[in-house]
Amino acid sequence: MSGPGRRSAGILLYRRDRAAVEVLIGHMGGPFWARRDVGAWTIPKGEYGEDEEPEAAARREFAEELGMPVPDGAAMSLGDVRQSGGKIVTVWAVEGDLDPARVEAGTFELEWPRGSGRTQEFPELDRVEWCTVEAARGRLVVAQRVFLDRLVGELAG
Protein backbone atom coordinates (compact mmCIF):
# COMPACT_ATOMS: atom_id res chain seq x y z
CA MET A 1 0.00 0.00 0.00
CA SER A 2 1.12 3.55 -0.50
CA GLY A 3 2.55 5.47 2.40
CA PRO A 4 4.35 8.68 3.27
CA GLY A 5 7.56 9.23 1.35
CA ARG A 6 6.61 6.90 -1.49
CA ARG A 7 6.77 8.35 -4.98
CA SER A 8 5.32 7.30 -8.32
CA ALA A 9 5.88 8.70 -11.79
CA GLY A 10 3.71 8.29 -14.87
CA ILE A 11 2.95 9.28 -18.43
CA LEU A 12 -0.45 10.60 -19.48
CA LEU A 13 -0.62 9.86 -23.20
CA TYR A 14 -3.00 12.14 -25.08
CA ARG A 15 -4.18 12.63 -28.64
CA ARG A 16 -6.34 15.16 -30.39
CA ASP A 17 -9.24 13.37 -32.04
CA ARG A 18 -11.49 15.61 -34.09
CA ALA A 19 -12.25 18.54 -31.78
CA ALA A 20 -11.72 16.64 -28.53
CA VAL A 21 -8.64 15.72 -26.55
CA GLU A 22 -8.51 12.05 -25.54
CA VAL A 23 -6.31 10.47 -22.87
CA LEU A 24 -5.16 6.90 -22.36
CA ILE A 25 -6.04 5.50 -18.94
CA GLY A 26 -5.91 2.01 -17.48
CA HIS A 27 -8.26 0.08 -15.21
CA MET A 28 -6.35 -1.26 -12.21
CA GLY A 29 -6.03 -5.04 -12.18
CA GLY A 30 -6.56 -7.48 -9.36
CA PRO A 31 -9.50 -8.62 -7.28
CA PHE A 32 -9.92 -5.38 -5.29
CA TRP A 33 -10.71 -3.36 -8.43
CA ALA A 34 -12.51 -6.06 -10.48
CA ARG A 35 -16.07 -4.81 -9.93
CA ARG A 36 -15.30 -1.12 -9.64
CA ASP A 37 -15.28 1.53 -12.33
CA VAL A 38 -15.49 5.02 -10.80
CA GLY A 39 -12.14 5.80 -9.19
CA ALA A 40 -10.64 2.49 -10.37
CA TRP A 41 -8.72 3.88 -13.35
CA THR A 42 -5.23 5.33 -13.31
CA ILE A 43 -2.59 7.03 -15.37
CA PRO A 44 0.07 4.39 -16.22
CA LYS A 45 2.62 4.92 -13.46
CA GLY A 46 4.76 3.22 -10.87
CA GLU A 47 7.06 3.69 -7.93
CA TYR A 48 10.69 4.65 -8.19
CA GLY A 49 13.61 5.02 -5.83
CA GLU A 50 15.85 7.95 -4.96
CA ASP A 51 18.48 6.71 -7.42
CA GLU A 52 16.21 7.11 -10.48
CA GLU A 53 15.17 10.26 -12.30
CA PRO A 54 11.37 10.67 -12.16
CA GLU A 55 10.85 11.11 -15.92
CA ALA A 56 13.00 8.06 -16.68
CA ALA A 57 10.95 6.12 -14.11
CA ALA A 58 7.72 7.31 -15.73
CA ARG A 59 8.87 6.04 -19.14
CA ARG A 60 10.07 2.72 -17.65
CA GLU A 61 6.80 2.19 -15.80
CA PHE A 62 4.74 3.00 -18.90
CA ALA A 63 6.67 0.34 -20.83
CA GLU A 64 6.35 -2.20 -18.00
CA GLU A 65 2.63 -1.65 -17.49
CA LEU A 66 1.67 -1.53 -21.18
CA GLY A 67 4.31 -3.73 -22.79
CA MET A 68 5.38 -1.01 -25.23
CA PRO A 69 7.47 2.14 -25.02
CA VAL A 70 6.13 5.66 -24.71
CA PRO A 71 5.47 7.00 -28.23
CA ASP A 72 7.98 9.58 -29.48
CA GLY A 73 7.15 13.09 -28.43
CA ALA A 74 8.14 15.83 -26.05
CA ALA A 75 7.18 15.32 -22.41
CA MET A 76 5.23 18.16 -20.80
CA SER A 77 5.40 18.29 -17.00
CA LEU A 78 2.03 18.23 -15.26
CA GLY A 79 3.59 18.46 -11.80
CA ASP A 80 2.88 16.48 -8.64
CA VAL A 81 -0.09 15.53 -6.51
CA ARG A 82 -0.30 13.79 -3.14
CA GLN A 83 -2.81 10.92 -3.16
CA SER A 84 -4.95 10.12 -0.12
CA GLY A 85 -2.55 7.38 1.04
CA GLY A 86 0.33 9.86 1.08
CA LYS A 87 2.06 8.77 -2.12
CA ILE A 88 3.31 11.63 -4.30
CA VAL A 89 2.58 11.12 -8.00
CA THR A 90 4.47 13.06 -10.69
CA VAL A 91 3.12 13.00 -14.25
CA TRP A 92 4.24 14.08 -17.70
CA ALA A 93 1.95 14.34 -20.72
CA VAL A 94 3.11 13.08 -24.11
CA GLU A 95 1.15 13.49 -27.33
CA GLY A 96 1.01 10.23 -29.24
CA ASP A 97 -1.10 7.28 -30.20
CA LEU A 98 -1.16 3.56 -29.59
CA ASP A 99 -3.63 0.74 -30.10
CA PRO A 100 -5.01 -0.48 -26.75
CA ALA A 101 -5.55 -3.92 -28.34
CA ARG A 102 -1.75 -4.28 -28.61
CA VAL A 103 -1.15 -3.65 -24.89
CA GLU A 104 0.52 -6.54 -23.06
CA ALA A 105 0.11 -5.56 -19.43
CA GLY A 106 2.72 -6.32 -16.81
CA THR A 107 1.66 -8.48 -13.88
CA PHE A 108 1.98 -8.70 -10.11
CA GLU A 109 1.55 -11.53 -7.63
CA LEU A 110 -0.86 -11.44 -4.72
CA GLU A 111 -2.04 -13.94 -2.14
CA TRP A 112 -5.66 -14.51 -3.15
CA PRO A 113 -7.98 -15.17 -1.57
CA ARG A 114 -6.35 -13.36 1.34
CA GLY A 115 -5.16 -15.83 3.99
CA SER A 116 -5.41 -18.80 1.61
CA GLY A 117 -1.67 -19.27 1.17
CA ARG A 118 -2.23 -19.35 -2.63
CA THR A 119 -0.45 -16.81 -4.77
CA GLN A 120 -2.08 -15.70 -8.01
CA GLU A 121 -0.85 -13.48 -10.82
CA PHE A 122 -2.92 -10.48 -11.91
CA PRO A 123 -2.41 -7.83 -14.62
CA GLU A 124 -1.30 -4.42 -13.35
CA LEU A 125 -3.89 -2.93 -15.71
CA ASP A 126 -6.66 -5.26 -16.88
CA ARG A 127 -7.78 -2.94 -19.67
CA VAL A 128 -6.61 0.28 -21.27
CA GLU A 129 -8.87 2.74 -23.10
CA TRP A 130 -8.84 6.06 -24.87
CA CYS A 131 -11.52 8.39 -23.55
CA THR A 132 -12.30 12.08 -23.57
CA VAL A 133 -10.94 14.20 -20.75
CA GLU A 134 -14.48 14.53 -19.36
CA ALA A 135 -15.05 10.77 -19.37
CA ALA A 136 -11.65 10.22 -17.74
CA ARG A 137 -12.52 12.72 -15.00
CA GLY A 138 -15.28 10.43 -13.72
CA ARG A 139 -13.16 7.29 -13.85
CA LEU A 140 -9.69 8.23 -12.56
CA VAL A 141 -8.52 7.94 -8.98
CA VAL A 142 -9.75 11.23 -7.44
CA ALA A 143 -6.30 12.75 -6.78
CA GLN A 144 -5.17 12.13 -10.37
CA ARG A 145 -8.03 14.14 -11.86
CA VAL A 146 -6.04 17.35 -11.35
CA PHE A 147 -3.65 16.18 -14.08
CA LEU A 148 -6.52 16.39 -16.58
CA ASP A 149 -7.14 20.03 -15.63
CA ARG A 150 -3.43 20.80 -15.93
CA LEU A 151 -3.26 19.12 -19.36
CA VAL A 152 -6.26 21.08 -20.64
CA GLY A 153 -4.73 24.30 -19.29
CA GLU A 154 -1.37 23.62 -20.97
CA LEU A 155 -3.02 22.81 -24.30
CA ALA A 156 -5.20 25.94 -24.14
CA GLY A 157 -2.25 28.19 -23.25
C-alpha atoms as a PDB file:
ATOM      1  CA  MET A   1       0.000   0.000   0.000  1.00  0.00           C
ATOM      2  CA  SER A   2       1.116   3.553  -0.497  1.00  0.00           C
ATOM      3  CA  GLY A   3       2.553   5.466   2.400  1.00  0.00           C
ATOM      4  CA  PRO A   4       4.346   8.676   3.267  1.00  0.00           C
ATOM      5  CA  GLY A   5       7.559   9.233   1.349  1.00  0.00           C
ATOM      6  CA  ARG A   6       6.613   6.897  -1.493  1.00  0.00           C
ATOM      7  CA  ARG A   7       6.775   8.347  -4.977  1.00  0.00           C
ATOM      8  CA  SER A   8       5.324   7.304  -8.321  1.00  0.00           C
ATOM      9  CA  ALA A   9       5.877   8.703 -11.791  1.00  0.00           C
ATOM     10  CA  GLY A  10       3.711   8.290 -14.870  1.00  0.00           C
ATOM     11  CA  ILE A  11       2.954   9.275 -18.426  1.00  0.00           C
ATOM     12  CA  LEU A  12      -0.447  10.599 -19.479  1.00  0.00           C
ATOM     13  CA  LEU A  13      -0.620   9.862 -23.196  1.00  0.00           C
ATOM     14  CA  TYR A  14      -2.996  12.138 -25.084  1.00  0.00           C
ATOM     15  CA  ARG A  15      -4.177  12.629 -28.643  1.00  0.00           C
ATOM     16  CA  ARG A  16      -6.336  15.155 -30.393  1.00  0.00           C
ATOM     17  CA  ASP A  17      -9.241  13.374 -32.042  1.00  0.00           C
ATOM     18  CA  ARG A  18     -11.487  15.605 -34.089  1.00  0.00           C
ATOM     19  CA  ALA A  19     -12.255  18.537 -31.779  1.00  0.00           C
ATOM     20  CA  ALA A  20     -11.717  16.635 -28.526  1.00  0.00           C
ATOM     21  CA  VAL A  21      -8.636  15.716 -26.548  1.00  0.00           C
ATOM     22  CA  GLU A  22      -8.506  12.054 -25.544  1.00  0.00           C
ATOM     23  CA  VAL A  23      -6.312  10.475 -22.874  1.00  0.00           C
ATOM     24  CA  LEU A  24      -5.156   6.904 -22.365  1.00  0.00           C
ATOM     25  CA  ILE A  25      -6.036   5.502 -18.938  1.00  0.00           C
ATOM     26  CA  GLY A  26      -5.911   2.014 -17.476  1.00  0.00           C
ATOM     27  CA  HIS A  27      -8.260   0.081 -15.208  1.00  0.00           C
ATOM     28  CA  MET A  28      -6.346  -1.260 -12.212  1.00  0.00           C
ATOM     29  CA  GLY A  29      -6.035  -5.042 -12.176  1.00  0.00           C
ATOM     30  CA  GLY A  30      -6.555  -7.475  -9.357  1.00  0.00           C
ATOM     31  CA  PRO A  31      -9.499  -8.615  -7.282  1.00  0.00           C
ATOM     32  CA  PHE A  32      -9.922  -5.383  -5.292  1.00  0.00           C
ATOM     33  CA  TRP A  33     -10.715  -3.357  -8.435  1.00  0.00           C
ATOM     34  CA  ALA A  34     -12.511  -6.061 -10.480  1.00  0.00           C
ATOM     35  CA  ARG A  35     -16.075  -4.810  -9.926  1.00  0.00           C
ATOM     36  CA  ARG A  36     -15.297  -1.116  -9.638  1.00  0.00           C
ATOM     37  CA  ASP A  37     -15.283   1.528 -12.329  1.00  0.00           C
ATOM     38  CA  VAL A  38     -15.487   5.023 -10.804  1.00  0.00           C
ATOM     39  CA  GLY A  39     -12.140   5.801  -9.194  1.00  0.00           C
ATOM     40  CA  ALA A  40     -10.642   2.492 -10.371  1.00  0.00           C
ATOM     41  CA  TRP A  41      -8.724   3.883 -13.354  1.00  0.00           C
ATOM     42  CA  THR A  42      -5.232   5.333 -13.311  1.00  0.00           C
ATOM     43  CA  ILE A  43      -2.587   7.030 -15.374  1.00  0.00           C
ATOM     44  CA  PRO A  44       0.066   4.386 -16.217  1.00  0.00           C
ATOM     45  CA  LYS A  45       2.624   4.923 -13.460  1.00  0.00           C
ATOM     46  CA  GLY A  46       4.755   3.217 -10.867  1.00  0.00           C
ATOM     47  CA  GLU A  47       7.057   3.687  -7.932  1.00  0.00           C
ATOM     48  CA  TYR A  48      10.693   4.650  -8.187  1.00  0.00           C
ATOM     49  CA  GLY A  49      13.605   5.025  -5.826  1.00  0.00           C
ATOM     50  CA  GLU A  50      15.850   7.947  -4.957  1.00  0.00           C
ATOM     51  CA  ASP A  51      18.484   6.715  -7.416  1.00  0.00           C
ATOM     52  CA  GLU A  52      16.207   7.106 -10.476  1.00  0.00           C
ATOM     53  CA  GLU A  53      15.171  10.258 -12.302  1.00  0.00           C
ATOM     54  CA  PRO A  54      11.372  10.674 -12.159  1.00  0.00           C
ATOM     55  CA  GLU A  55      10.852  11.112 -15.921  1.00  0.00           C
ATOM     56  CA  ALA A  56      13.003   8.062 -16.681  1.00  0.00           C
ATOM     57  CA  ALA A  57      10.952   6.116 -14.112  1.00  0.00           C
ATOM     58  CA  ALA A  58       7.716   7.307 -15.734  1.00  0.00           C
ATOM     59  CA  ARG A  59       8.874   6.045 -19.137  1.00  0.00           C
ATOM     60  CA  ARG A  60      10.070   2.725 -17.652  1.00  0.00           C
ATOM     61  CA  GLU A  61       6.800   2.188 -15.795  1.00  0.00           C
ATOM     62  CA  PHE A  62       4.737   2.997 -18.900  1.00  0.00           C
ATOM     63  CA  ALA A  63       6.673   0.337 -20.827  1.00  0.00           C
ATOM     64  CA  GLU A  64       6.354  -2.195 -17.998  1.00  0.00           C
ATOM     65  CA  GLU A  65       2.634  -1.646 -17.491  1.00  0.00           C
ATOM     66  CA  LEU A  66       1.666  -1.526 -21.180  1.00  0.00           C
ATOM     67  CA  GLY A  67       4.308  -3.735 -22.787  1.00  0.00           C
ATOM     68  CA  MET A  68       5.380  -1.007 -25.227  1.00  0.00           C
ATOM     69  CA  PRO A  69       7.473   2.142 -25.020  1.00  0.00           C
ATOM     70  CA  VAL A  70       6.130   5.658 -24.708  1.00  0.00           C
ATOM     71  CA  PRO A  71       5.472   6.999 -28.226  1.00  0.00           C
ATOM     72  CA  ASP A  72       7.984   9.575 -29.477  1.00  0.00           C
ATOM     73  CA  GLY A  73       7.146  13.087 -28.431  1.00  0.00           C
ATOM     74  CA  ALA A  74       8.139  15.835 -26.053  1.00  0.00           C
ATOM     75  CA  ALA A  75       7.185  15.323 -22.415  1.00  0.00           C
ATOM     76  CA  MET A  76       5.235  18.164 -20.801  1.00  0.00           C
ATOM     77  CA  SER A  77       5.396  18.288 -17.001  1.00  0.00           C
ATOM     78  CA  LEU A  78       2.033  18.233 -15.256  1.00  0.00           C
ATOM     79  CA  GLY A  79       3.587  18.460 -11.804  1.00  0.00           C
ATOM     80  CA  ASP A  80       2.884  16.484  -8.642  1.00  0.00           C
ATOM     81  CA  VAL A  81      -0.088  15.525  -6.513  1.00  0.00           C
ATOM     82  CA  ARG A  82      -0.301  13.791  -3.145  1.00  0.00           C
ATOM     83  CA  GLN A  83      -2.806  10.923  -3.163  1.00  0.00           C
ATOM     84  CA  SER A  84      -4.945  10.125  -0.121  1.00  0.00           C
ATOM     85  CA  GLY A  85      -2.552   7.380   1.041  1.00  0.00           C
ATOM     86  CA  GLY A  86       0.335   9.860   1.077  1.00  0.00           C
ATOM     87  CA  LYS A  87       2.064   8.768  -2.122  1.00  0.00           C
ATOM     88  CA  ILE A  88       3.314  11.629  -4.295  1.00  0.00           C
ATOM     89  CA  VAL A  89       2.577  11.115  -7.996  1.00  0.00           C
ATOM     90  CA  THR A  90       4.475  13.055 -10.692  1.00  0.00           C
ATOM     91  CA  VAL A  91       3.120  13.000 -14.251  1.00  0.00           C
ATOM     92  CA  TRP A  92       4.236  14.078 -17.705  1.00  0.00           C
ATOM     93  CA  ALA A  93       1.950  14.340 -20.718  1.00  0.00           C
ATOM     94  CA  VAL A  94       3.107  13.079 -24.109  1.00  0.00           C
ATOM     95  CA  GLU A  95       1.152  13.488 -27.325  1.00  0.00           C
ATOM     96  CA  GLY A  96       1.007  10.231 -29.239  1.00  0.00           C
ATOM     97  CA  ASP A  97      -1.097   7.280 -30.199  1.00  0.00           C
ATOM     98  CA  LEU A  98      -1.157   3.561 -29.589  1.00  0.00           C
ATOM     99  CA  ASP A  99      -3.626   0.745 -30.096  1.00  0.00           C
ATOM    100  CA  PRO A 100      -5.009  -0.482 -26.747  1.00  0.00           C
ATOM    101  CA  ALA A 101      -5.554  -3.925 -28.338  1.00  0.00           C
ATOM    102  CA  ARG A 102      -1.748  -4.279 -28.607  1.00  0.00           C
ATOM    103  CA  VAL A 103      -1.146  -3.647 -24.895  1.00  0.00           C
ATOM    104  CA  GLU A 104       0.517  -6.537 -23.060  1.00  0.00           C
ATOM    105  CA  ALA A 105       0.108  -5.564 -19.427  1.00  0.00           C
ATOM    106  CA  GLY A 106       2.720  -6.317 -16.812  1.00  0.00           C
ATOM    107  CA  THR A 107       1.658  -8.484 -13.885  1.00  0.00           C
ATOM    108  CA  PHE A 108       1.978  -8.699 -10.105  1.00  0.00           C
ATOM    109  CA  GLU A 109       1.553 -11.530  -7.631  1.00  0.00           C
ATOM    110  CA  LEU A 110      -0.859 -11.438  -4.721  1.00  0.00           C
ATOM    111  CA  GLU A 111      -2.038 -13.941  -2.136  1.00  0.00           C
ATOM    112  CA  TRP A 112      -5.656 -14.506  -3.153  1.00  0.00           C
ATOM    113  CA  PRO A 113      -7.984 -15.174  -1.565  1.00  0.00           C
ATOM    114  CA  ARG A 114      -6.350 -13.364   1.341  1.00  0.00           C
ATOM    115  CA  GLY A 115      -5.163 -15.830   3.994  1.00  0.00           C
ATOM    116  CA  SER A 116      -5.409 -18.805   1.605  1.00  0.00           C
ATOM    117  CA  GLY A 117      -1.667 -19.273   1.169  1.00  0.00           C
ATOM    118  CA  ARG A 118      -2.232 -19.355  -2.631  1.00  0.00           C
ATOM    119  CA  THR A 119      -0.449 -16.805  -4.772  1.00  0.00           C
ATOM    120  CA  GLN A 120      -2.079 -15.704  -8.010  1.00  0.00           C
ATOM    121  CA  GLU A 121      -0.849 -13.484 -10.821  1.00  0.00           C
ATOM    122  CA  PHE A 122      -2.924 -10.485 -11.914  1.00  0.00           C
ATOM    123  CA  PRO A 123      -2.406  -7.830 -14.625  1.00  0.00           C
ATOM    124  CA  GLU A 124      -1.304  -4.422 -13.346  1.00  0.00           C
ATOM    125  CA  LEU A 125      -3.887  -2.929 -15.707  1.00  0.00           C
ATOM    126  CA  ASP A 126      -6.663  -5.256 -16.883  1.00  0.00           C
ATOM    127  CA  ARG A 127      -7.777  -2.940 -19.674  1.00  0.00           C
ATOM    128  CA  VAL A 128      -6.613   0.282 -21.271  1.00  0.00           C
ATOM    129  CA  GLU A 129      -8.866   2.742 -23.103  1.00  0.00           C
ATOM    130  CA  TRP A 130      -8.841   6.059 -24.874  1.00  0.00           C
ATOM    131  CA  CYS A 131     -11.518   8.391 -23.552  1.00  0.00           C
ATOM    132  CA  THR A 132     -12.301  12.078 -23.569  1.00  0.00           C
ATOM    133  CA  VAL A 133     -10.938  14.205 -20.753  1.00  0.00           C
ATOM    134  CA  GLU A 134     -14.475  14.531 -19.357  1.00  0.00           C
ATOM    135  CA  ALA A 135     -15.050  10.766 -19.372  1.00  0.00           C
ATOM    136  CA  ALA A 136     -11.652  10.225 -17.735  1.00  0.00           C
ATOM    137  CA  ARG A 137     -12.517  12.722 -14.998  1.00  0.00           C
ATOM    138  CA  GLY A 138     -15.279  10.427 -13.723  1.00  0.00           C
ATOM    139  CA  ARG A 139     -13.158   7.288 -13.854  1.00  0.00           C
ATOM    140  CA  LEU A 140      -9.691   8.234 -12.562  1.00  0.00           C
ATOM    141  CA  VAL A 141      -8.520   7.944  -8.975  1.00  0.00           C
ATOM    142  CA  VAL A 142      -9.753  11.226  -7.441  1.00  0.00           C
ATOM    143  CA  ALA A 143      -6.300  12.753  -6.777  1.00  0.00           C
ATOM    144  CA  GLN A 144      -5.172  12.128 -10.373  1.00  0.00           C
ATOM    145  CA  ARG A 145      -8.031  14.143 -11.865  1.00  0.00           C
ATOM    146  CA  VAL A 146      -6.042  17.350 -11.349  1.00  0.00           C
ATOM    147  CA  PHE A 147      -3.648  16.178 -14.077  1.00  0.00           C
ATOM    148  CA  LEU A 148      -6.520  16.386 -16.581  1.00  0.00           C
ATOM    149  CA  ASP A 149      -7.138  20.026 -15.630  1.00  0.00           C
ATOM    150  CA  ARG A 150      -3.427  20.798 -15.928  1.00  0.00           C
ATOM    151  CA  LEU A 151      -3.260  19.118 -19.359  1.00  0.00           C
ATOM    152  CA  VAL A 152      -6.258  21.079 -20.640  1.00  0.00           C
ATOM    153  CA  GLY A 153      -4.731  24.304 -19.286  1.00  0.00           C
ATOM    154  CA  GLU A 154      -1.373  23.621 -20.971  1.00  0.00           C
ATOM    155  CA  LEU A 155      -3.020  22.814 -24.296  1.00  0.00           C
ATOM    156  CA  ALA A 156      -5.196  25.935 -24.142  1.00  0.00           C
ATOM    157  CA  GLY A 157      -2.250  28.194 -23.249  1.00  0.00           C
END
